[in-house]
PDB file of N, CA and C in Angstrom:
ATOM      1  N   MET A   1       3.595  15.803 -19.437  1.00  0.00           N
ATOM      2  CA  MET A   1       3.368  15.449 -18.379  1.00  0.00           C
ATOM      3  C   MET A   1       2.831  16.716 -17.768  1.00  0.00           C
ATOM      4  N   ALA A   2       2.053  16.507 -16.621  1.00  0.00           N
ATOM      5  CA  ALA A   2       1.843  17.729 -15.771  1.00  0.00           C
ATOM      6  C   ALA A   2       2.958  18.309 -15.386  1.00  0.00           C
ATOM      7  N   ASP A   3       2.478  19.653 -14.846  1.00  0.00           N
ATOM      8  CA  ASP A   3       3.813  20.468 -14.591  1.00  0.00           C
ATOM      9  C   ASP A   3       3.921  20.348 -13.008  1.00  0.00           C
ATOM     10  N   ASN A   4       2.928  20.148 -12.088  1.00  0.00           N
ATOM     11  CA  ASN A   4       2.702  20.350 -10.783  1.00  0.00           C
ATOM     12  C   ASN A   4       2.868  19.004 -10.023  1.00  0.00           C
ATOM     13  N   THR A   5       4.135  18.261 -10.321  1.00  0.00           N
ATOM     14  CA  THR A   5       4.280  16.998 -10.102  1.00  0.00           C
ATOM     15  C   THR A   5       5.171  16.885  -9.045  1.00  0.00           C
ATOM     16  N   VAL A   6       5.286  15.566  -8.094  1.00  0.00           N
ATOM     17  CA  VAL A   6       6.445  15.237  -7.173  1.00  0.00           C
ATOM     18  C   VAL A   6       7.031  13.939  -7.547  1.00  0.00           C
ATOM     19  N   THR A   7       8.348  13.919  -7.477  1.00  0.00           N
ATOM     20  CA  THR A   7       8.734  12.648  -7.787  1.00  0.00           C
ATOM     21  C   THR A   7       9.403  11.676  -6.740  1.00  0.00           C
ATOM     22  N   PHE A   8       9.288  10.809  -6.344  1.00  0.00           N
ATOM     23  CA  PHE A   8       9.819   9.984  -5.392  1.00  0.00           C
ATOM     24  C   PHE A   8      10.651   8.854  -5.692  1.00  0.00           C
ATOM     25  N   HIS A   9      11.624   8.950  -4.943  1.00  0.00           N
ATOM     26  CA  HIS A   9      13.008   7.699  -5.249  1.00  0.00           C
ATOM     27  C   HIS A   9      12.691   6.714  -4.473  1.00  0.00           C
ATOM     28  N   ILE A  10      12.772   5.221  -4.838  1.00  0.00           N
ATOM     29  CA  ILE A  10      12.722   4.225  -4.225  1.00  0.00           C
ATOM     30  C   ILE A  10      13.841   3.565  -4.391  1.00  0.00           C
ATOM     31  N   GLU A  11      14.227   3.352  -3.102  1.00  0.00           N
ATOM     32  CA  GLU A  11      16.019   2.492  -2.803  1.00  0.00           C
ATOM     33  C   GLU A  11      15.437   1.202  -2.258  1.00  0.00           C
ATOM     34  N   GLY A  12      16.002   0.049  -3.198  1.00  0.00           N
ATOM     35  CA  GLY A  12      15.451  -1.278  -3.059  1.00  0.00           C
ATOM     36  C   GLY A  12      16.976  -2.037  -3.042  1.00  0.00           C
ATOM     37  N   GLU A  13      16.853  -3.015  -2.438  1.00  0.00           N
ATOM     38  CA  GLU A  13      18.164  -4.028  -2.293  1.00  0.00           C
ATOM     39  C   GLU A  13      19.082  -4.409  -3.440  1.00  0.00           C
ATOM     40  N   THR A  14      17.958  -4.352  -4.554  1.00  0.00           N
ATOM     41  CA  THR A  14      19.203  -5.088  -6.147  1.00  0.00           C
ATOM     42  C   THR A  14      18.984  -3.893  -6.687  1.00  0.00           C
ATOM     43  N   ALA A  15      17.779  -2.819  -6.865  1.00  0.00           N
ATOM     44  CA  ALA A  15      17.784  -1.747  -7.836  1.00  0.00           C
ATOM     45  C   ALA A  15      16.951  -0.698  -7.353  1.00  0.00           C
ATOM     46  N   ASP A  16      16.790   0.387  -8.035  1.00  0.00           N
ATOM     47  CA  ASP A  16      16.402   1.608  -7.429  1.00  0.00           C
ATOM     48  C   ASP A  16      14.868   2.111  -8.256  1.00  0.00           C
ATOM     49  N   ASP A  17      14.158   2.743  -8.039  1.00  0.00           N
ATOM     50  CA  ASP A  17      13.193   3.244  -8.976  1.00  0.00           C
ATOM     51  C   ASP A  17      12.737   4.422  -8.389  1.00  0.00           C
ATOM     52  N   GLU A  18      11.748   5.232  -9.393  1.00  0.00           N
ATOM     53  CA  GLU A  18      10.972   6.262  -8.847  1.00  0.00           C
ATOM     54  C   GLU A  18       9.701   6.300  -9.445  1.00  0.00           C
ATOM     55  N   VAL A  19       8.950   7.235  -8.761  1.00  0.00           N
ATOM     56  CA  VAL A  19       7.216   7.165  -9.418  1.00  0.00           C
ATOM     57  C   VAL A  19       7.120   8.707  -9.161  1.00  0.00           C
ATOM     58  N   THR A  20       6.486   9.448  -9.898  1.00  0.00           N
ATOM     59  CA  THR A  20       6.057  10.685 -10.126  1.00  0.00           C
ATOM     60  C   THR A  20       4.597  10.592 -10.118  1.00  0.00           C
ATOM     61  N   ILE A  21       3.993  11.643  -9.291  1.00  0.00           N
ATOM     62  CA  ILE A  21       2.625  11.852  -8.986  1.00  0.00           C
ATOM     63  C   ILE A  21       2.425  13.420  -8.719  1.00  0.00           C
ATOM     64  N   PRO A  22       0.760  13.341  -9.485  1.00  0.00           N
ATOM     65  CA  PRO A  22       0.463  14.801  -9.220  1.00  0.00           C
ATOM     66  C   PRO A  22       0.572  15.597  -7.823  1.00  0.00           C
ATOM     67  N   ALA A  23       1.060  16.541  -7.812  1.00  0.00           N
ATOM     68  CA  ALA A  23       0.812  17.114  -6.513  1.00  0.00           C
ATOM     69  C   ALA A  23      -0.273  17.107  -6.017  1.00  0.00           C
ATOM     70  N   GLU A  24      -1.311  17.500  -7.022  1.00  0.00           N
ATOM     71  CA  GLU A  24      -2.723  17.501  -6.500  1.00  0.00           C
ATOM     72  C   GLU A  24      -3.246  16.243  -5.819  1.00  0.00           C
ATOM     73  N   MET A  25      -2.591  15.121  -6.044  1.00  0.00           N
ATOM     74  CA  MET A  25      -3.162  13.963  -5.831  1.00  0.00           C
ATOM     75  C   MET A  25      -2.950  13.708  -4.028  1.00  0.00           C
ATOM     76  N   LEU A  26      -1.571  14.461  -3.550  1.00  0.00           N
ATOM     77  CA  LEU A  26      -1.272  14.119  -2.660  1.00  0.00           C
ATOM     78  C   LEU A  26      -1.854  14.992  -1.720  1.00  0.00           C
ATOM     79  N   GLU A  27      -2.350  16.313  -1.892  1.00  0.00           N
ATOM     80  CA  GLU A  27      -3.466  16.992  -1.225  1.00  0.00           C
ATOM     81  C   GLU A  27      -4.300  16.565  -1.036  1.00  0.00           C
ATOM     82  N   LEU A  28      -5.251  16.143  -1.975  1.00  0.00           N
ATOM     83  CA  LEU A  28      -6.335  14.931  -1.794  1.00  0.00           C
ATOM     84  C   LEU A  28      -6.560  14.244  -1.039  1.00  0.00           C
ATOM     85  N   LEU A  29      -5.132  13.511  -0.584  1.00  0.00           N
ATOM     86  CA  LEU A  29      -5.000  12.385   0.297  1.00  0.00           C
ATOM     87  C   LEU A  29      -4.913  12.915   1.556  1.00  0.00           C
ATOM     88  N   ARG A  30      -3.893  14.001   1.965  1.00  0.00           N
ATOM     89  CA  ARG A  30      -3.100  14.238   2.691  1.00  0.00           C
ATOM     90  C   ARG A  30      -4.438  14.409   4.102  1.00  0.00           C
ATOM     91  N   GLU A  31      -3.845  14.100   5.217  1.00  0.00           N
ATOM     92  CA  GLU A  31      -4.156  14.465   6.583  1.00  0.00           C
ATOM     93  C   GLU A  31      -3.566  15.095   7.301  1.00  0.00           C
ATOM     94  N   ASP A  32      -3.974  16.312   7.926  1.00  0.00           N
ATOM     95  CA  ASP A  32      -3.121  16.993   8.734  1.00  0.00           C
ATOM     96  C   ASP A  32      -2.178  17.637   8.146  1.00  0.00           C
ATOM     97  N   ASP A  33      -0.962  17.493   8.737  1.00  0.00           N
ATOM     98  CA  ASP A  33       0.364  18.029   7.945  1.00  0.00           C
ATOM     99  C   ASP A  33       1.190  16.687   7.537  1.00  0.00           C
ATOM    100  N   GLU A  34       0.515  15.745   7.363  1.00  0.00           N
ATOM    101  CA  GLU A  34       1.298  14.535   6.688  1.00  0.00           C
ATOM    102  C   GLU A  34       2.313  14.775   5.743  1.00  0.00           C
ATOM    103  N   PRO A  35       3.467  14.078   6.027  1.00  0.00           N
ATOM    104  CA  PRO A  35       4.484  14.598   4.857  1.00  0.00           C
ATOM    105  C   PRO A  35       4.503  13.750   3.568  1.00  0.00           C
ATOM    106  N   ASP A  36       4.309  14.126   2.309  1.00  0.00           N
ATOM    107  CA  ASP A  36       4.315  13.500   1.463  1.00  0.00           C
ATOM    108  C   ASP A  36       4.835  11.986   1.350  1.00  0.00           C
ATOM    109  N   ALA A  37       5.954  11.666   1.575  1.00  0.00           N
ATOM    110  CA  ALA A  37       6.523  10.358   1.540  1.00  0.00           C
ATOM    111  C   ALA A  37       5.498   9.604   2.322  1.00  0.00           C
ATOM    112  N   GLU A  38       5.259   9.719   3.531  1.00  0.00           N
ATOM    113  CA  GLU A  38       4.558   8.930   4.351  1.00  0.00           C
ATOM    114  C   GLU A  38       3.461   8.606   3.643  1.00  0.00           C
ATOM    115  N   ILE A  39       2.620   9.552   2.820  1.00  0.00           N
ATOM    116  CA  ILE A  39       1.359   9.498   1.834  1.00  0.00           C
ATOM    117  C   ILE A  39       1.623   8.270   1.039  1.00  0.00           C
ATOM    118  N   VAL A  40       2.758   8.495   0.186  1.00  0.00           N
ATOM    119  CA  VAL A  40       3.168   7.453  -0.793  1.00  0.00           C
ATOM    120  C   VAL A  40       3.551   6.226  -0.339  1.00  0.00           C
ATOM    121  N   GLY A  41       4.185   5.914   1.206  1.00  0.00           N
ATOM    122  CA  GLY A  41       4.276   4.806   1.777  1.00  0.00           C
ATOM    123  C   GLY A  41       3.003   4.078   2.329  1.00  0.00           C
ATOM    124  N   ASP A  42       1.932   4.733   2.440  1.00  0.00           N
ATOM    125  CA  ASP A  42       0.695   4.361   2.833  1.00  0.00           C
ATOM    126  C   ASP A  42       0.098   3.867   1.672  1.00  0.00           C
ATOM    127  N   LEU A  43       0.274   4.569   0.569  1.00  0.00           N
ATOM    128  CA  LEU A  43      -0.368   4.003  -0.672  1.00  0.00           C
ATOM    129  C   LEU A  43       0.180   2.837  -1.098  1.00  0.00           C
ATOM    130  N   ALA A  44       1.616   2.449  -0.625  1.00  0.00           N
ATOM    131  CA  ALA A  44       2.295   1.286  -1.126  1.00  0.00           C
ATOM    132  C   ALA A  44       1.889   0.250  -0.296  1.00  0.00           C
ATOM    133  N   LEU A  45       1.833   0.058   0.495  1.00  0.00           N
ATOM    134  CA  LEU A  45       1.655  -0.919   1.948  1.00  0.00           C
ATOM    135  C   LEU A  45      -0.371  -1.323   1.450  1.00  0.00           C
ATOM    136  N   PHE A  46      -0.781  -0.149   1.481  1.00  0.00           N
ATOM    137  CA  PHE A  46      -2.155  -0.496   1.157  1.00  0.00           C
ATOM    138  C   PHE A  46      -2.287  -1.294  -0.204  1.00  0.00           C
ATOM    139  N   SER A  47      -1.587  -0.921  -1.053  1.00  0.00           N
ATOM    140  CA  SER A  47      -1.497  -1.547  -2.413  1.00  0.00           C
ATOM    141  C   SER A  47      -1.497  -3.012  -2.192  1.00  0.00           C
ATOM    142  N   CYS A  48      -0.329  -3.223  -1.372  1.00  0.00           N
ATOM    143  CA  CYS A  48       0.389  -4.350  -1.424  1.00  0.00           C
ATOM    144  C   CYS A  48      -0.851  -5.312  -0.358  1.00  0.00           C
ATOM    145  N   ALA A  49      -1.382  -4.376   0.710  1.00  0.00           N
ATOM    146  CA  ALA A  49      -2.184  -5.276   1.274  1.00  0.00           C
ATOM    147  C   ALA A  49      -3.735  -5.584   0.353  1.00  0.00           C
ATOM    148  N   GLN A  50      -4.077  -5.172  -0.356  1.00  0.00           N
ATOM    149  CA  GLN A  50      -5.083  -5.301  -1.300  1.00  0.00           C
ATOM    150  C   GLN A  50      -4.738  -6.550  -2.276  1.00  0.00           C
ATOM    151  N   ARG A  51      -3.427  -6.293  -2.668  1.00  0.00           N
ATOM    152  CA  ARG A  51      -3.101  -7.250  -3.856  1.00  0.00           C
ATOM    153  C   ARG A  51      -3.215  -8.747  -3.211  1.00  0.00           C
ATOM    154  N   ILE A  52      -2.366  -9.014  -2.136  1.00  0.00           N
ATOM    155  CA  ILE A  52      -2.372 -10.194  -1.594  1.00  0.00           C
ATOM    156  C   ILE A  52      -3.568 -10.563  -1.055  1.00  0.00           C
ATOM    157  N   HIS A  53      -4.461  -9.692  -0.469  1.00  0.00           N
ATOM    158  CA  HIS A  53      -5.960 -10.471  -0.275  1.00  0.00           C
ATOM    159  C   HIS A  53      -6.793 -10.654  -1.366  1.00  0.00           C
ATOM    160  N   ALA A  54      -6.831 -10.191  -2.217  1.00  0.00           N
ATOM    161  CA  ALA A  54      -7.198 -10.470  -3.476  1.00  0.00           C
ATOM    162  C   ALA A  54      -6.983 -11.322  -4.167  1.00  0.00           C
ATOM    163  N   THR A  55      -5.113 -11.954  -3.808  1.00  0.00           N
ATOM    164  CA  THR A  55      -5.004 -13.299  -4.109  1.00  0.00           C
ATOM    165  C   THR A  55      -5.391 -14.285  -3.554  1.00  0.00           C
ATOM    166  N   VAL A  56      -5.338 -14.141  -2.294  1.00  0.00           N
ATOM    167  CA  VAL A  56      -5.623 -15.400  -1.208  1.00  0.00           C
ATOM    168  C   VAL A  56      -6.962 -15.606  -1.400  1.00  0.00           C
ATOM    169  N   HIS A  57      -8.077 -14.428  -1.328  1.00  0.00           N
ATOM    170  CA  HIS A  57      -9.278 -14.689  -1.141  1.00  0.00           C
ATOM    171  C   HIS A  57     -10.603 -14.644  -2.498  1.00  0.00           C
ATOM    172  N   HIS A  58      -9.807 -14.195  -3.388  1.00  0.00           N
ATOM    173  CA  HIS A  58     -10.591 -14.028  -4.554  1.00  0.00           C
ATOM    174  C   HIS A  58     -10.034 -14.256  -5.951  1.00  0.00           C
ATOM    175  N   ALA A  59      -8.708 -15.123  -6.154  1.00  0.00           N
ATOM    176  CA  ALA A  59      -8.172 -15.332  -6.819  1.00  0.00           C
ATOM    177  C   ALA A  59      -8.153 -17.140  -7.144  1.00  0.00           C
ATOM    178  N   GLU A  60      -8.371 -17.628  -8.461  1.00  0.00           N
ATOM    179  CA  GLU A  60      -8.146 -19.213  -8.447  1.00  0.00           C
ATOM    180  C   GLU A  60      -6.538 -19.722  -7.989  1.00  0.00           C
ATOM    181  N   GLY A  61      -6.747 -20.303  -7.209  1.00  0.00           N
ATOM    182  CA  GLY A  61      -5.664 -21.079  -6.413  1.00  0.00           C
ATOM    183  C   GLY A  61      -4.225 -20.048  -6.114  1.00  0.00           C
ATOM    184  N   GLY A  62      -5.184 -19.138  -5.218  1.00  0.00           N
ATOM    185  CA  GLY A  62      -4.376 -18.274  -4.489  1.00  0.00           C
ATOM    186  C   GLY A  62      -4.522 -18.547  -3.152  1.00  0.00           C
ATOM    187  N   ASP A  63      -5.156 -19.520  -2.794  1.00  0.00           N
ATOM    188  CA  ASP A  63      -5.382 -19.744  -1.222  1.00  0.00           C
ATOM    189  C   ASP A  63      -4.280 -20.940  -0.942  1.00  0.00           C
ATOM    190  N   THR A  64      -3.034 -20.877  -1.249  1.00  0.00           N
ATOM    191  CA  THR A  64      -2.224 -21.550  -0.835  1.00  0.00           C
ATOM    192  C   THR A  64      -1.328 -20.967   0.389  1.00  0.00           C
ATOM    193  N   GLU A  65      -0.900 -22.201   1.211  1.00  0.00           N
ATOM    194  CA  GLU A  65      -0.078 -21.709   2.154  1.00  0.00           C
ATOM    195  C   GLU A  65       1.189 -20.733   2.329  1.00  0.00           C
ATOM    196  N   GLN A  66       1.598 -20.647   1.150  1.00  0.00           N
ATOM    197  CA  GLN A  66       2.866 -19.675   1.050  1.00  0.00           C
ATOM    198  C   GLN A  66       2.265 -18.511   0.834  1.00  0.00           C
ATOM    199  N   TYR A  67       0.830 -17.971   0.017  1.00  0.00           N
ATOM    200  CA  TYR A  67       0.251 -17.022  -0.200  1.00  0.00           C
ATOM    201  C   TYR A  67      -0.266 -16.002   0.966  1.00  0.00           C
ATOM    202  N   GLN A  68      -0.941 -17.372   1.521  1.00  0.00           N
ATOM    203  CA  GLN A  68      -1.846 -17.291   3.475  1.00  0.00           C
ATOM    204  C   GLN A  68      -0.702 -16.689   4.117  1.00  0.00           C
ATOM    205  N   ASP A  69       0.861 -16.955   4.301  1.00  0.00           N
ATOM    206  CA  ASP A  69       1.916 -16.603   5.152  1.00  0.00           C
ATOM    207  C   ASP A  69       1.989 -15.091   4.605  1.00  0.00           C
ATOM    208  N   ILE A  70       1.977 -15.121   3.306  1.00  0.00           N
ATOM    209  CA  ILE A  70       2.273 -13.828   3.057  1.00  0.00           C
ATOM    210  C   ILE A  70       1.428 -12.702   3.147  1.00  0.00           C
ATOM    211  N   GLU A  71       0.254 -13.220   3.343  1.00  0.00           N
ATOM    212  CA  GLU A  71      -0.762 -12.145   3.720  1.00  0.00           C
ATOM    213  C   GLU A  71      -1.034 -11.766   5.529  1.00  0.00           C
ATOM    214  N   ALA A  72      -0.649 -13.274   5.602  1.00  0.00           N
ATOM    215  CA  ALA A  72      -0.425 -13.133   7.264  1.00  0.00           C
ATOM    216  C   ALA A  72       0.456 -12.083   7.762  1.00  0.00           C
ATOM    217  N   ALA A  73       1.554 -12.045   7.245  1.00  0.00           N
ATOM    218  CA  ALA A  73       2.733 -10.915   7.259  1.00  0.00           C
ATOM    219  C   ALA A  73       2.621  -9.523   7.091  1.00  0.00           C
ATOM    220  N   THR A  74       1.838  -9.481   5.615  1.00  0.00           N
ATOM    221  CA  THR A  74       1.470  -7.981   4.927  1.00  0.00           C
ATOM    222  C   THR A  74       0.607  -7.437   6.185  1.00  0.00           C
ATOM    223  N   MET A  75      -0.666  -8.325   6.638  1.00  0.00           N
ATOM    224  CA  MET A  75      -1.517  -7.772   7.513  1.00  0.00           C
ATOM    225  C   MET A  75      -1.245  -7.099   8.580  1.00  0.00           C
ATOM    226  N   GLU A  76      -0.043  -7.845   9.275  1.00  0.00           N
ATOM    227  CA  GLU A  76       0.426  -7.461  10.392  1.00  0.00           C
ATOM    228  C   GLU A  76       0.989  -6.384  10.625  1.00  0.00           C
ATOM    229  N   LEU A  77       1.934  -5.927   9.327  1.00  0.00           N
ATOM    230  CA  LEU A  77       2.655  -4.646   9.102  1.00  0.00           C
ATOM    231  C   LEU A  77       1.384  -3.349   8.706  1.00  0.00           C
ATOM    232  N   PHE A  78       0.660  -4.467   8.161  1.00  0.00           N
ATOM    233  CA  PHE A  78      -0.415  -2.992   7.681  1.00  0.00           C
ATOM    234  C   PHE A  78      -1.367  -2.374   8.973  1.00  0.00           C
ATOM    235  N   GLU A  79      -1.434  -3.481   9.989  1.00  0.00           N
ATOM    236  CA  GLU A  79      -2.156  -2.813  11.189  1.00  0.00           C
ATOM    237  C   GLU A  79      -1.078  -2.182  12.115  1.00  0.00           C
ATOM    238  N   GLU A  80       0.116  -2.772  12.232  1.00  0.00           N
ATOM    239  CA  GLU A  80       1.161  -1.610  12.887  1.00  0.00           C
ATOM    240  C   GLU A  80       0.965  -0.264  12.504  1.00  0.00           C
ATOM    241  N   ARG A  81       0.943  -0.088  10.736  1.00  0.00           N
ATOM    242  CA  ARG A  81       1.154   1.274  10.339  1.00  0.00           C
ATOM    243  C   ARG A  81      -0.073   1.945  10.746  1.00  0.00           C
ATOM    244  N   PHE A  82      -1.194   1.551  10.247  1.00  0.00           N
ATOM    245  CA  PHE A  82      -2.597   1.989  10.094  1.00  0.00           C
ATOM    246  C   PHE A  82      -3.339   1.783  11.946  1.00  0.00           C
ATOM    247  N   GLY A  83      -2.901   1.240  12.608  1.00  0.00           N
ATOM    248  CA  GLY A  83      -3.601   1.265  14.034  1.00  0.00           C
ATOM    249  C   GLY A  83      -5.439   0.490  13.766  1.00  0.00           C
ATOM    250  N   ALA A  84      -5.225  -0.179  12.505  1.00  0.00           N
ATOM    251  CA  ALA A  84      -6.369  -0.789  12.296  1.00  0.00           C
ATOM    252  C   ALA A  84      -6.492  -2.018  11.524  1.00  0.00           C
ATOM    253  N   SER A  85      -7.162  -2.985  11.512  1.00  0.00           N
ATOM    254  CA  SER A  85      -6.863  -3.963  10.633  1.00  0.00           C
ATOM    255  C   SER A  85      -7.445  -3.527   9.109  1.00  0.00           C
ATOM    256  N   TYR A  86      -7.243  -4.496   7.979  1.00  0.00           N
ATOM    257  CA  TYR A  86      -7.499  -4.050   6.629  1.00  0.00           C
ATOM    258  C   TYR A  86      -8.787  -4.256   6.759  1.00  0.00           C
ATOM    259  N   ALA A  87      -9.589  -5.074   7.152  1.00  0.00           N
ATOM    260  CA  ALA A  87     -11.008  -5.589   7.289  1.00  0.00           C
ATOM    261  C   ALA A  87     -11.731  -4.265   7.853  1.00  0.00           C
ATOM    262  N   GLU A  88     -11.287  -3.559   9.180  1.00  0.00           N
ATOM    263  CA  GLU A  88     -11.469  -2.479   9.495  1.00  0.00           C
ATOM    264  C   GLU A  88     -11.965  -1.157   8.651  1.00  0.00           C
ATOM    265  N   LEU A  89     -10.935  -1.055   7.893  1.00  0.00           N
ATOM    266  CA  LEU A  89     -10.550   0.297   7.419  1.00  0.00           C
ATOM    267  C   LEU A  89     -11.152   0.088   5.843  1.00  0.00           C
ATOM    268  N   THR A  90     -11.237  -1.397   5.206  1.00  0.00           N
ATOM    269  CA  THR A  90     -12.034  -1.470   4.146  1.00  0.00           C
ATOM    270  C   THR A  90     -13.264  -1.904   4.283  1.00  0.00           C
ATOM    271  N   GLY A  91     -13.848  -2.122   5.176  1.00  0.00           N
ATOM    272  CA  GLY A  91     -15.237  -2.763   5.133  1.00  0.00           C
ATOM    273  C   GLY A  91     -15.425  -4.445   4.923  1.00  0.00           C
ATOM    274  N   HIS A  92     -14.384  -4.785   4.320  1.00  0.00           N
ATOM    275  CA  HIS A  92     -14.284  -6.010   3.688  1.00  0.00           C
ATOM    276  C   HIS A  92     -13.922  -7.206   4.587  1.00  0.00           C
ATOM    277  N   GLN A  93     -14.801  -8.270   4.924  1.00  0.00           N
ATOM    278  CA  GLN A  93     -14.088  -9.173   5.817  1.00  0.00           C
ATOM    279  C   GLN A  93     -14.667 -10.657   5.333  1.00  0.00           C
ATOM    280  N   HIS A  94     -13.736 -11.610   5.555  1.00  0.00           N
ATOM    281  CA  HIS A  94     -13.865 -12.874   5.675  1.00  0.00           C
ATOM    282  C   HIS A  94     -13.905 -13.950   6.331  1.00  0.00           C
TER     283      HIS A  94
END
């Protein structure tokens, strides 16, 4: 394992987890004086948005009402956090 890493602890309702990331990755992604935890939070929400978008729009059988509702809720949270829509930030629109 790399010597220069940062470990984040994730607390959930039913279990906890942790993730270790190279410190250099955080520096690569950092904007201004953004704290490490905020970078990881951004990555988590961005990954969730990307995943549900792919499920609804690009996976066979993914366009169910349940998945569309999950996508709508995720994209609302995405826009609140980033101040722009998923489509605006990725250039990917439907």
